[in-house]
Amino acid sequence: MSETTAHLALPFIMAAQAQKHVTLNEALRMLDGIVQLAILDRDLTTPPASPAEGDRYIPASGAGGAWSGWAGSIAYWIDGAWMRILPSAGWMAWIEDEAQAIVWTGSAWIPVVDAMGFIAQAAAVAVAREANGATTGIAVREETVTGLSGASVDSTIAIPNRAIVLGVSARTVTAVLGASSFDCGVNGEPSKFGGSLGVAVGSSNIGVIGPTAFYADTPVRLTANGGNFAGGAVRIAIHYLICGAPG
């Protein structure tokens, strides 16, 4: 018989074991850290100086100190020390400072909407349709671009090929570090959707443009001003029109 449970690795109380309460308490501590998983932040590389009992973080890539080598794991402050919890594929967490749910794929944390394939299907609506299936639609795609690093960062989502873009809006959801401001645009036009945007939490911009057609899948690019990105998260939304050919 295994000494731990199959999925959460909670310790069993063994037959004739002394100090049974120690094993039980360890299992309860782990459950308290895992169940209803709410994460305060996932962009830090240094543990906070004064964590509160029960605080949970997901250390960012390059984390050091007590979190060295813990990138992507769950750092749980309990009984005056950091406990590392390794996630399993399918675990979900709520990121408090981003107000979004994410899921562990086994190799990375990604937004739940991306994991479930909802972006393109649920976010596009046909507003006109002809008898043979031709459509005119309106759509929006969102992504929280996290762990900002370097001179510029491209989004994972892209402006679709043949889309007519109305604008790209942006909101800083975790304070941007290293840069005094940032631009939002595309390769070759770094401030197409807004320049010198705010790095403080809550700063936002609605970057409307004259409707512009794109003829290739094109990621949105965030470009740092006054220094390279060293952390932070920005939520972007691409607002666009789509044309569907008749069948």
C-alpha atoms as a PDB file:
ATOM      1  CA  MET A   1       0.000   0.000   0.000  1.00  0.00           C
ATOM      2  CA  SER A   2       1.251   3.469  -0.896  1.00  0.00           C
ATOM      3  CA  GLU A   3       2.027   5.880   1.942  1.00  0.00           C
ATOM      4  CA  THR A   4       0.298   8.775   0.155  1.00  0.00           C
ATOM      5  CA  THR A   5      -2.874   9.325  -1.854  1.00  0.00           C
ATOM      6  CA  ALA A   6      -2.642   8.913  -5.637  1.00  0.00           C
ATOM      7  CA  HIS A   7      -3.461  12.459  -6.768  1.00  0.00           C
ATOM      8  CA  LEU A   8      -2.751  14.949  -3.992  1.00  0.00           C
ATOM      9  CA  ALA A   9       0.054  12.980  -2.275  1.00  0.00           C
ATOM     10  CA  LEU A  10      -1.635  13.383   1.112  1.00  0.00           C
ATOM     11  CA  PRO A  11       0.004  11.178   3.756  1.00  0.00           C
ATOM     12  CA  PHE A  12      -1.914   8.182   5.094  1.00  0.00           C
ATOM     13  CA  ILE A  13      -2.093   7.261   8.767  1.00  0.00           C
ATOM     14  CA  MET A  14      -0.447   3.846   8.899  1.00  0.00           C
ATOM     15  CA  ALA A  15      -1.506   0.941  11.106  1.00  0.00           C
ATOM     16  CA  ALA A  16      -0.045   1.086  14.617  1.00  0.00           C
ATOM     17  CA  GLN A  17       1.578   4.423  13.814  1.00  0.00           C
ATOM     18  CA  ALA A  18       2.685   6.567  16.730  1.00  0.00           C
ATOM     19  CA  GLN A  19       2.003  10.308  16.703  1.00  0.00           C
ATOM     20  CA  LYS A  20      -0.918   9.866  14.306  1.00  0.00           C
ATOM     21  CA  HIS A  21      -1.959  13.469  14.768  1.00  0.00           C
ATOM     22  CA  VAL A  22       1.256  14.630  13.049  1.00  0.00           C
ATOM     23  CA  THR A  23       0.354  12.809   9.832  1.00  0.00           C
ATOM     24  CA  LEU A  24      -3.255  13.961   9.987  1.00  0.00           C
ATOM     25  CA  ASN A  25      -2.262  17.575  10.553  1.00  0.00           C
ATOM     26  CA  GLU A  26       0.185  17.428   7.627  1.00  0.00           C
ATOM     27  CA  ALA A  27      -2.595  16.191   5.345  1.00  0.00           C
ATOM     28  CA  LEU A  28      -4.920  18.954   6.551  1.00  0.00           C
ATOM     29  CA  ARG A  29      -2.241  21.605   5.943  1.00  0.00           C
ATOM     30  CA  MET A  30      -1.787  20.389   2.379  1.00  0.00           C
ATOM     31  CA  LEU A  31      -5.519  20.279   1.712  1.00  0.00           C
ATOM     32  CA  ASP A  32      -5.867  23.812   3.058  1.00  0.00           C
ATOM     33  CA  GLY A  33      -3.202  24.947   0.591  1.00  0.00           C
ATOM     34  CA  ILE A  34      -4.644  23.153  -2.433  1.00  0.00           C
ATOM     35  CA  VAL A  35      -8.450  23.293  -2.182  1.00  0.00           C
ATOM     36  CA  GLN A  36     -10.195  26.455  -3.456  1.00  0.00           C
ATOM     37  CA  LEU A  37      -6.861  27.589  -4.876  1.00  0.00           C
ATOM     38  CA  ALA A  38      -6.645  31.397  -4.944  1.00  0.00           C
ATOM     39  CA  ILE A  39      -3.257  32.864  -5.898  1.00  0.00           C
ATOM     40  CA  LEU A  40      -2.283  36.406  -4.954  1.00  0.00           C
ATOM     41  CA  ASP A  41       0.269  36.935  -7.742  1.00  0.00           C
ATOM     42  CA  ARG A  42       2.190  34.931 -10.352  1.00  0.00           C
ATOM     43  CA  ASP A  43       4.679  37.545 -11.575  1.00  0.00           C
ATOM     44  CA  LEU A  44       7.062  37.746  -8.619  1.00  0.00           C
ATOM     45  CA  THR A  45      10.598  36.374  -8.682  1.00  0.00           C
ATOM     46  CA  THR A  46      11.340  37.276  -5.045  1.00  0.00           C
ATOM     47  CA  PRO A  47       9.250  36.089  -2.075  1.00  0.00           C
ATOM     48  CA  PRO A  48       7.381  38.946  -0.352  1.00  0.00           C
ATOM     49  CA  ALA A  49       9.059  40.210   2.794  1.00  0.00           C
ATOM     50  CA  SER A  50       6.060  39.865   5.124  1.00  0.00           C
ATOM     51  CA  PRO A  51       3.630  37.219   3.867  1.00  0.00           C
ATOM     52  CA  ALA A  52       0.453  36.481   5.800  1.00  0.00           C
ATOM     53  CA  GLU A  53      -0.355  32.981   7.005  1.00  0.00           C
ATOM     54  CA  GLY A  54      -1.915  31.024   4.162  1.00  0.00           C
ATOM     55  CA  ASP A  55      -0.728  33.316   1.343  1.00  0.00           C
ATOM     56  CA  ARG A  56      -0.184  31.513  -1.964  1.00  0.00           C
ATOM     57  CA  TYR A  57       1.828  32.572  -5.001  1.00  0.00           C
ATOM     58  CA  ILE A  58       3.004  31.052  -8.274  1.00  0.00           C
ATOM     59  CA  PRO A  59       6.687  32.035  -8.581  1.00  0.00           C
ATOM     60  CA  ALA A  60       7.620  33.469 -11.978  1.00  0.00           C
ATOM     61  CA  SER A  61      10.411  32.195 -14.209  1.00  0.00           C
ATOM     62  CA  GLY A  62      13.805  33.031 -12.722  1.00  0.00           C
ATOM     63  CA  ALA A  63      12.553  33.113  -9.137  1.00  0.00           C
ATOM     64  CA  GLY A  64      15.271  33.078  -6.506  1.00  0.00           C
ATOM     65  CA  GLY A  65      15.785  32.927  -2.761  1.00  0.00           C
ATOM     66  CA  ALA A  66      13.395  30.551  -1.021  1.00  0.00           C
ATOM     67  CA  TRP A  67      11.592  30.156  -4.353  1.00  0.00           C
ATOM     68  CA  SER A  68      14.668  29.124  -6.361  1.00  0.00           C
ATOM     69  CA  GLY A  69      13.655  26.477  -8.906  1.00  0.00           C
ATOM     70  CA  TRP A  70       9.968  26.807  -8.007  1.00  0.00           C
ATOM     71  CA  ALA A  71       8.745  28.525 -11.216  1.00  0.00           C
ATOM     72  CA  GLY A  72       5.219  27.338 -12.000  1.00  0.00           C
ATOM     73  CA  SER A  73       4.813  25.630  -8.617  1.00  0.00           C
ATOM     74  CA  ILE A  74       2.603  26.899  -5.805  1.00  0.00           C
ATOM     75  CA  ALA A  75       4.443  28.679  -2.986  1.00  0.00           C
ATOM     76  CA  TYR A  76       2.370  28.382   0.200  1.00  0.00           C
ATOM     77  CA  TRP A  77       3.322  30.340   3.362  1.00  0.00           C
ATOM     78  CA  ILE A  78       2.400  28.213   6.358  1.00  0.00           C
ATOM     79  CA  ASP A  79       3.760  27.996   9.901  1.00  0.00           C
ATOM     80  CA  GLY A  80       6.465  30.572   9.180  1.00  0.00           C
ATOM     81  CA  ALA A  81       7.965  28.872   6.126  1.00  0.00           C
ATOM     82  CA  TRP A  82       7.359  28.415   2.403  1.00  0.00           C
ATOM     83  CA  MET A  83       5.918  25.078   1.319  1.00  0.00           C
ATOM     84  CA  ARG A  84       6.250  24.037  -2.310  1.00  0.00           C
ATOM     85  CA  ILE A  85       3.218  22.341  -3.859  1.00  0.00           C
ATOM     86  CA  LEU A  86       3.636  20.785  -7.302  1.00  0.00           C
ATOM     87  CA  PRO A  87       0.485  21.120  -9.443  1.00  0.00           C
ATOM     88  CA  SER A  88      -0.920  18.272 -11.513  1.00  0.00           C
ATOM     89  CA  ALA A  89      -2.436  18.619 -14.990  1.00  0.00           C
ATOM     90  CA  GLY A  90      -5.961  20.000 -14.783  1.00  0.00           C
ATOM     91  CA  TRP A  91      -5.546  21.972 -11.551  1.00  0.00           C
ATOM     92  CA  MET A  92      -7.293  25.327 -11.671  1.00  0.00           C
ATOM     93  CA  ALA A  93      -6.450  28.508  -9.786  1.00  0.00           C
ATOM     94  CA  TRP A  94      -7.953  31.975  -9.433  1.00  0.00           C
ATOM     95  CA  ILE A  95      -5.371  34.759  -9.880  1.00  0.00           C
ATOM     96  CA  GLU A  96      -6.570  37.542  -7.608  1.00  0.00           C
ATOM     97  CA  ASP A  97      -4.586  40.458  -9.040  1.00  0.00           C
ATOM     98  CA  GLU A  98      -5.594  39.526 -12.608  1.00  0.00           C
ATOM     99  CA  ALA A  99      -9.205  38.516 -11.857  1.00  0.00           C
ATOM    100  CA  GLN A 100      -8.981  35.452 -14.075  1.00  0.00           C
ATOM    101  CA  ALA A 101      -8.948  31.670 -13.797  1.00  0.00           C
ATOM    102  CA  ILE A 102      -6.004  29.649 -15.089  1.00  0.00           C
ATOM    103  CA  VAL A 103      -5.320  25.939 -15.515  1.00  0.00           C
ATOM    104  CA  TRP A 104      -2.106  23.890 -15.338  1.00  0.00           C
ATOM    105  CA  THR A 105      -1.573  21.907 -18.557  1.00  0.00           C
ATOM    106  CA  GLY A 106       1.282  19.859 -17.157  1.00  0.00           C
ATOM    107  CA  SER A 107       3.884  22.301 -18.441  1.00  0.00           C
ATOM    108  CA  ALA A 108       2.377  25.799 -18.145  1.00  0.00           C
ATOM    109  CA  TRP A 109      -0.413  27.829 -16.548  1.00  0.00           C
ATOM    110  CA  ILE A 110      -2.790  29.180 -19.208  1.00  0.00           C
ATOM    111  CA  PRO A 111      -6.149  31.013 -19.056  1.00  0.00           C
ATOM    112  CA  VAL A 112      -9.095  28.645 -18.722  1.00  0.00           C
ATOM    113  CA  VAL A 113     -10.771  30.183 -21.775  1.00  0.00           C
ATOM    114  CA  ASP A 114      -7.705  29.307 -23.863  1.00  0.00           C
ATOM    115  CA  ALA A 115      -7.533  25.771 -22.515  1.00  0.00           C
ATOM    116  CA  MET A 116     -11.199  25.166 -23.319  1.00  0.00           C
ATOM    117  CA  GLY A 117     -11.029  26.689 -26.781  1.00  0.00           C
ATOM    118  CA  PHE A 118     -13.658  29.325 -26.091  1.00  0.00           C
ATOM    119  CA  ILE A 119     -11.864  32.359 -27.508  1.00  0.00           C
ATOM    120  CA  ALA A 120     -12.750  32.168 -31.184  1.00  0.00           C
ATOM    121  CA  GLN A 121     -16.069  30.359 -30.845  1.00  0.00           C
ATOM    122  CA  ALA A 122     -17.723  32.219 -27.983  1.00  0.00           C
ATOM    123  CA  ALA A 123     -16.345  35.673 -28.663  1.00  0.00           C
ATOM    124  CA  ALA A 124     -17.548  36.027 -32.283  1.00  0.00           C
ATOM    125  CA  VAL A 125     -21.148  36.774 -33.262  1.00  0.00           C
ATOM    126  CA  ALA A 126     -22.600  36.922 -36.791  1.00  0.00           C
ATOM    127  CA  VAL A 127     -24.704  40.081 -37.069  1.00  0.00           C
ATOM    128  CA  ALA A 128     -25.796  39.441 -40.651  1.00  0.00           C
ATOM    129  CA  ARG A 129     -26.208  36.205 -42.623  1.00  0.00           C
ATOM    130  CA  GLU A 130     -27.282  35.468 -46.201  1.00  0.00           C
ATOM    131  CA  ALA A 131     -29.054  32.410 -47.585  1.00  0.00           C
ATOM    132  CA  ASN A 132     -25.862  30.693 -48.754  1.00  0.00           C
ATOM    133  CA  GLY A 133     -23.998  31.203 -45.506  1.00  0.00           C
ATOM    134  CA  ALA A 134     -22.133  34.455 -46.111  1.00  0.00           C
ATOM    135  CA  THR A 135     -21.792  36.346 -42.834  1.00  0.00           C
ATOM    136  CA  THR A 136     -20.623  39.605 -41.388  1.00  0.00           C
ATOM    137  CA  GLY A 137     -19.537  39.253 -37.805  1.00  0.00           C
ATOM    138  CA  ILE A 138     -18.118  41.164 -34.892  1.00  0.00           C
ATOM    139  CA  ALA A 139     -15.675  39.656 -32.446  1.00  0.00           C
ATOM    140  CA  VAL A 140     -13.390  40.306 -29.513  1.00  0.00           C
ATOM    141  CA  ARG A 141     -10.422  38.301 -28.228  1.00  0.00           C
ATOM    142  CA  GLU A 142      -8.789  38.801 -24.827  1.00  0.00           C
ATOM    143  CA  GLU A 143      -5.505  37.773 -23.278  1.00  0.00           C
ATOM    144  CA  THR A 144      -3.653  38.686 -20.100  1.00  0.00           C
ATOM    145  CA  VAL A 145      -0.024  39.035 -21.136  1.00  0.00           C
ATOM    146  CA  THR A 146       1.932  38.107 -18.005  1.00  0.00           C
ATOM    147  CA  GLY A 147       5.547  37.974 -16.905  1.00  0.00           C
ATOM    148  CA  LEU A 148       6.570  40.947 -19.058  1.00  0.00           C
ATOM    149  CA  SER A 149      10.295  40.794 -19.810  1.00  0.00           C
ATOM    150  CA  GLY A 150      12.704  42.432 -22.235  1.00  0.00           C
ATOM    151  CA  ALA A 151      12.267  45.261 -24.703  1.00  0.00           C
ATOM    152  CA  SER A 152       8.962  44.016 -26.097  1.00  0.00           C
ATOM    153  CA  VAL A 153       6.490  41.164 -25.691  1.00  0.00           C
ATOM    154  CA  ASP A 154       4.113  39.720 -28.293  1.00  0.00           C
ATOM    155  CA  SER A 155       0.695  38.375 -27.376  1.00  0.00           C
ATOM    156  CA  THR A 156      -0.169  34.711 -27.838  1.00  0.00           C
ATOM    157  CA  ILE A 157      -3.476  35.585 -29.436  1.00  0.00           C
ATOM    158  CA  ALA A 158      -3.339  37.248 -32.832  1.00  0.00           C
ATOM    159  CA  ILE A 159      -5.380  39.556 -34.999  1.00  0.00           C
ATOM    160  CA  PRO A 160      -6.841  36.994 -37.438  1.00  0.00           C
ATOM    161  CA  ASN A 161      -5.970  36.988 -41.125  1.00  0.00           C
ATOM    162  CA  ARG A 162      -8.603  39.011 -43.082  1.00  0.00           C
ATOM    163  CA  ALA A 163      -9.948  40.702 -39.951  1.00  0.00           C
ATOM    164  CA  ILE A 164     -10.930  44.369 -40.037  1.00  0.00           C
ATOM    165  CA  VAL A 165      -9.665  45.777 -36.755  1.00  0.00           C
ATOM    166  CA  LEU A 166     -11.524  48.538 -34.932  1.00  0.00           C
ATOM    167  CA  GLY A 167      -9.024  48.837 -32.099  1.00  0.00           C
ATOM    168  CA  VAL A 168      -7.116  47.152 -29.286  1.00  0.00           C
ATOM    169  CA  SER A 169      -7.859  48.076 -25.680  1.00  0.00           C
ATOM    170  CA  ALA A 170      -5.488  47.479 -22.769  1.00  0.00           C
ATOM    171  CA  ARG A 171      -5.521  47.510 -18.975  1.00  0.00           C
ATOM    172  CA  THR A 172      -2.583  47.111 -16.583  1.00  0.00           C
ATOM    173  CA  VAL A 173      -3.636  44.407 -14.108  1.00  0.00           C
ATOM    174  CA  THR A 174      -0.274  43.953 -12.363  1.00  0.00           C
ATOM    175  CA  ALA A 175       2.101  46.899 -12.030  1.00  0.00           C
ATOM    176  CA  VAL A 176       4.577  46.956 -14.924  1.00  0.00           C
ATOM    177  CA  LEU A 177       8.175  46.957 -13.701  1.00  0.00           C
ATOM    178  CA  GLY A 178      11.319  48.232 -15.412  1.00  0.00           C
ATOM    179  CA  ALA A 179       9.596  50.588 -17.868  1.00  0.00           C
ATOM    180  CA  SER A 180       8.255  54.096 -17.284  1.00  0.00           C
ATOM    181  CA  SER A 181       5.448  53.494 -19.807  1.00  0.00           C
ATOM    182  CA  PHE A 182       4.687  51.187 -22.714  1.00  0.00           C
ATOM    183  CA  ASP A 183       3.278  51.256 -26.221  1.00  0.00           C
ATOM    184  CA  CYS A 184       0.639  48.949 -27.661  1.00  0.00           C
ATOM    185  CA  GLY A 185       0.787  48.103 -31.357  1.00  0.00           C
ATOM    186  CA  VAL A 186       2.171  45.580 -33.821  1.00  0.00           C
ATOM    187  CA  ASN A 187       5.554  44.860 -35.355  1.00  0.00           C
ATOM    188  CA  GLY A 188       6.582  47.944 -37.332  1.00  0.00           C
ATOM    189  CA  GLU A 189       3.921  50.141 -35.706  1.00  0.00           C
ATOM    190  CA  PRO A 190       4.643  49.873 -31.966  1.00  0.00           C
ATOM    191  CA  SER A 191       2.140  52.540 -30.857  1.00  0.00           C
ATOM    192  CA  LYS A 192      -0.625  51.829 -33.381  1.00  0.00           C
ATOM    193  CA  PHE A 193      -3.142  51.251 -30.575  1.00  0.00           C
ATOM    194  CA  GLY A 194      -1.699  53.653 -28.024  1.00  0.00           C
ATOM    195  CA  GLY A 195       1.585  55.157 -26.846  1.00  0.00           C
ATOM    196  CA  SER A 196       3.074  55.920 -23.433  1.00  0.00           C
ATOM    197  CA  LEU A 197       0.464  53.861 -21.595  1.00  0.00           C
ATOM    198  CA  GLY A 198       0.411  53.765 -17.796  1.00  0.00           C
ATOM    199  CA  VAL A 199       2.330  51.149 -15.800  1.00  0.00           C
ATOM    200  CA  ALA A 200       0.260  51.441 -12.592  1.00  0.00           C
ATOM    201  CA  VAL A 201      -2.459  48.918 -11.773  1.00  0.00           C
ATOM    202  CA  GLY A 202      -5.776  50.042 -13.271  1.00  0.00           C
ATOM    203  CA  SER A 203      -4.281  52.172 -16.040  1.00  0.00           C
ATOM    204  CA  SER A 204      -6.246  51.571 -19.230  1.00  0.00           C
ATOM    205  CA  ASN A 205      -6.522  52.682 -22.829  1.00  0.00           C
ATOM    206  CA  ILE A 206      -9.087  52.156 -25.598  1.00  0.00           C
ATOM    207  CA  GLY A 207      -6.940  52.236 -28.695  1.00  0.00           C
ATOM    208  CA  VAL A 208      -9.452  52.797 -31.473  1.00  0.00           C
ATOM    209  CA  ILE A 209      -8.221  53.202 -35.048  1.00  0.00           C
ATOM    210  CA  GLY A 210      -9.776  53.736 -38.438  1.00  0.00           C
ATOM    211  CA  PRO A 211     -11.000  50.257 -39.464  1.00  0.00           C
ATOM    212  CA  THR A 212      -7.897  48.505 -40.788  1.00  0.00           C
ATOM    213  CA  ALA A 213      -7.665  45.185 -42.637  1.00  0.00           C
ATOM    214  CA  PHE A 214      -4.964  42.689 -41.707  1.00  0.00           C
ATOM    215  CA  TYR A 215      -3.826  40.092 -44.228  1.00  0.00           C
ATOM    216  CA  ALA A 216      -1.931  37.738 -41.915  1.00  0.00           C
ATOM    217  CA  ASP A 217      -2.313  36.528 -38.343  1.00  0.00           C
ATOM    218  CA  THR A 218      -0.665  39.340 -36.371  1.00  0.00           C
ATOM    219  CA  PRO A 219       0.132  39.355 -32.646  1.00  0.00           C
ATOM    220  CA  VAL A 220      -0.226  42.494 -30.577  1.00  0.00           C
ATOM    221  CA  ARG A 221       3.125  43.853 -29.376  1.00  0.00           C
ATOM    222  CA  LEU A 222       3.749  45.659 -26.078  1.00  0.00           C
ATOM    223  CA  THR A 223       6.930  47.763 -26.197  1.00  0.00           C
ATOM    224  CA  ALA A 224       8.675  49.116 -23.100  1.00  0.00           C
ATOM    225  CA  ASN A 225       9.639  52.790 -22.818  1.00  0.00           C
ATOM    226  CA  GLY A 226      12.424  54.083 -20.577  1.00  0.00           C
ATOM    227  CA  GLY A 227      13.896  50.636 -19.884  1.00  0.00           C
ATOM    228  CA  ASN A 228      13.155  46.963 -20.442  1.00  0.00           C
ATOM    229  CA  PHE A 229      10.186  45.160 -18.934  1.00  0.00           C
ATOM    230  CA  ALA A 230      11.032  43.397 -15.660  1.00  0.00           C
ATOM    231  CA  GLY A 231       7.602  42.111 -14.659  1.00  0.00           C
ATOM    232  CA  GLY A 232       3.911  42.910 -14.662  1.00  0.00           C
ATOM    233  CA  ALA A 233       0.783  41.921 -16.546  1.00  0.00           C
ATOM    234  CA  VAL A 234      -1.357  43.725 -19.117  1.00  0.00           C
ATOM    235  CA  ARG A 235      -4.756  42.518 -20.309  1.00  0.00           C
ATOM    236  CA  ILE A 236      -5.459  43.264 -23.970  1.00  0.00           C
ATOM    237  CA  ALA A 237      -8.583  42.922 -26.096  1.00  0.00           C
ATOM    238  CA  ILE A 238      -8.683  42.891 -29.900  1.00  0.00           C
ATOM    239  CA  HIS A 239     -11.935  44.319 -31.318  1.00  0.00           C
ATOM    240  CA  TYR A 240     -12.601  43.426 -34.963  1.00  0.00           C
ATOM    241  CA  LEU A 241     -15.014  42.586 -37.780  1.00  0.00           C
ATOM    242  CA  ILE A 242     -14.957  39.335 -39.734  1.00  0.00           C
ATOM    243  CA  CYS A 243     -16.358  38.379 -43.155  1.00  0.00           C
ATOM    244  CA  GLY A 244     -17.490  34.829 -43.892  1.00  0.00           C
ATOM    245  CA  ALA A 245     -17.617  33.632 -47.518  1.00  0.00           C
ATOM    246  CA  PRO A 246     -20.786  31.974 -48.874  1.00  0.00           C
ATOM    247  CA  GLY A 247     -20.922  28.202 -49.030  1.00  0.00           C
END
